[in-house]
Amino acid sequence: MKRLTEKNGINIRSFRILEPKEMNVYRKISLQIEFSPTPSLLNLSQFIYDIEHHEKELMISELDFLALNPRAPNSLQGSLVISGLMKINLDKEKGREQ
């Protein structure tokens, strides 16, 4: 994620890893990112595109934007929840429980 933010000129204000969720044979791992105002909508849209088309099959499950000046909404800040699925090795999980 750090490479994508640096590539697109997005300044991260804070981030945190959310609680993983079990989904059948997958574990959903999510990361919440809050970013500082970005002066370029093109950079922000490229950042979102790069997340959605990443080789690790990432997805944006939540997004929240705030225009600092509604009359000139070219500077946005906000937060994203980015999620990915990790396949669970059921044999290892069963071994841990025993």
Protein backbone atom coordinates (compact mmCIF):
# COMPACT_ATOMS: atom_id res chain seq x y z
CA MET A 1 0.00 0.00 0.00
CA LYS A 2 2.87 2.35 0.78
CA ARG A 3 4.21 2.05 -2.79
CA LEU A 4 0.80 2.86 -4.27
CA THR A 5 0.33 5.94 -2.08
CA GLU A 6 3.83 7.23 -2.87
CA LYS A 7 3.39 6.55 -6.60
CA ASN A 8 0.17 8.57 -6.70
CA GLY A 9 1.14 11.37 -4.30
CA ILE A 10 -1.37 10.41 -1.60
CA ASN A 11 -0.37 11.35 1.96
CA ILE A 12 -1.60 8.86 4.55
CA ARG A 13 -2.68 10.49 7.80
CA SER A 14 -3.36 7.20 9.61
CA PHE A 15 -4.00 3.55 8.97
CA ARG A 16 -5.04 0.52 10.97
CA ILE A 17 -5.53 -3.14 10.31
CA LEU A 18 -9.08 -4.23 11.06
CA GLU A 19 -10.15 -7.51 12.64
CA PRO A 20 -9.93 -10.40 10.12
CA LYS A 21 -13.20 -12.12 9.19
CA GLU A 22 -13.55 -15.80 8.34
CA MET A 23 -15.45 -16.49 5.11
CA ASN A 24 -15.63 -20.24 4.37
CA VAL A 25 -12.18 -21.12 3.01
CA TYR A 26 -11.02 -17.48 2.97
CA ARG A 27 -10.00 -14.92 5.56
CA LYS A 28 -10.90 -11.32 4.74
CA ILE A 29 -8.17 -8.92 5.84
CA SER A 30 -9.01 -5.21 5.78
CA LEU A 31 -6.98 -2.05 6.20
CA GLN A 32 -8.50 1.36 6.94
CA ILE A 33 -6.59 4.31 5.51
CA GLU A 34 -7.26 7.98 6.22
CA PHE A 35 -5.55 10.35 3.83
CA SER A 36 -4.76 14.07 3.96
CA PRO A 37 -6.28 16.48 1.45
CA THR A 38 -5.05 15.65 -2.02
CA PRO A 39 -4.84 18.50 -4.52
CA SER A 40 -5.28 16.28 -7.58
CA LEU A 41 -8.40 14.30 -8.39
CA LEU A 42 -6.41 12.59 -11.14
CA ASN A 43 -3.93 11.23 -8.57
CA LEU A 44 -6.77 10.06 -6.32
CA SER A 45 -8.59 8.34 -9.18
CA GLN A 46 -5.33 6.67 -10.30
CA PHE A 47 -4.75 5.47 -6.72
CA ILE A 48 -8.24 3.93 -6.61
CA TYR A 49 -7.69 2.34 -10.03
CA ASP A 50 -4.34 0.89 -8.90
CA ILE A 51 -5.96 -0.67 -5.82
CA GLU A 52 -8.83 -2.21 -7.79
CA HIS A 53 -6.45 -3.60 -10.47
CA HIS A 54 -3.69 -4.80 -8.13
CA GLU A 55 -2.28 -8.28 -8.73
CA LYS A 56 -3.28 -9.35 -5.20
CA GLU A 57 -7.02 -8.93 -5.92
CA LEU A 58 -7.63 -6.04 -3.55
CA MET A 59 -10.99 -4.29 -3.33
CA ILE A 60 -12.32 -1.13 -1.77
CA SER A 61 -15.15 -2.13 0.55
CA GLU A 62 -15.83 1.36 1.96
CA LEU A 63 -14.94 4.88 0.94
CA ASP A 64 -15.76 8.26 2.40
CA PHE A 65 -14.67 11.57 0.86
CA LEU A 66 -14.96 15.14 2.10
CA ALA A 67 -14.56 18.17 -0.16
CA LEU A 68 -12.88 20.90 1.88
CA ASN A 69 -14.33 23.61 -0.35
CA PRO A 70 -17.64 22.56 -1.95
CA ARG A 71 -17.43 25.43 -4.45
CA ALA A 72 -14.11 24.13 -5.78
CA PRO A 73 -14.15 20.39 -4.98
CA ASN A 74 -10.72 19.65 -6.40
CA SER A 75 -9.19 18.98 -2.98
CA LEU A 76 -10.55 15.90 -1.21
CA GLN A 77 -9.68 14.12 1.99
CA GLY A 78 -11.21 10.95 3.30
CA SER A 79 -10.86 7.33 4.22
CA LEU A 80 -10.88 3.98 2.46
CA VAL A 81 -11.27 0.44 3.71
CA ILE A 82 -9.22 -1.83 1.46
CA SER A 83 -9.81 -5.57 1.71
CA GLY A 84 -8.17 -8.68 0.38
CA LEU A 85 -8.94 -12.38 0.66
CA MET A 86 -6.41 -14.92 1.89
CA LYS A 87 -7.04 -18.62 1.38
CA ILE A 88 -7.07 -20.55 4.65
CA ASN A 89 -5.17 -23.82 4.74
CA LEU A 90 -7.82 -25.93 6.48
CA ASP A 91 -5.35 -28.74 7.30
CA LYS A 92 -3.15 -26.34 9.31
CA GLU A 93 -6.17 -24.85 11.08
CA LYS A 94 -7.38 -28.33 12.13
CA GLY A 95 -3.91 -29.18 13.45
CA ARG A 96 -3.87 -26.11 15.67
CA GLU A 97 -7.24 -26.96 17.21
CA GLN A 98 -6.19 -30.48 18.25
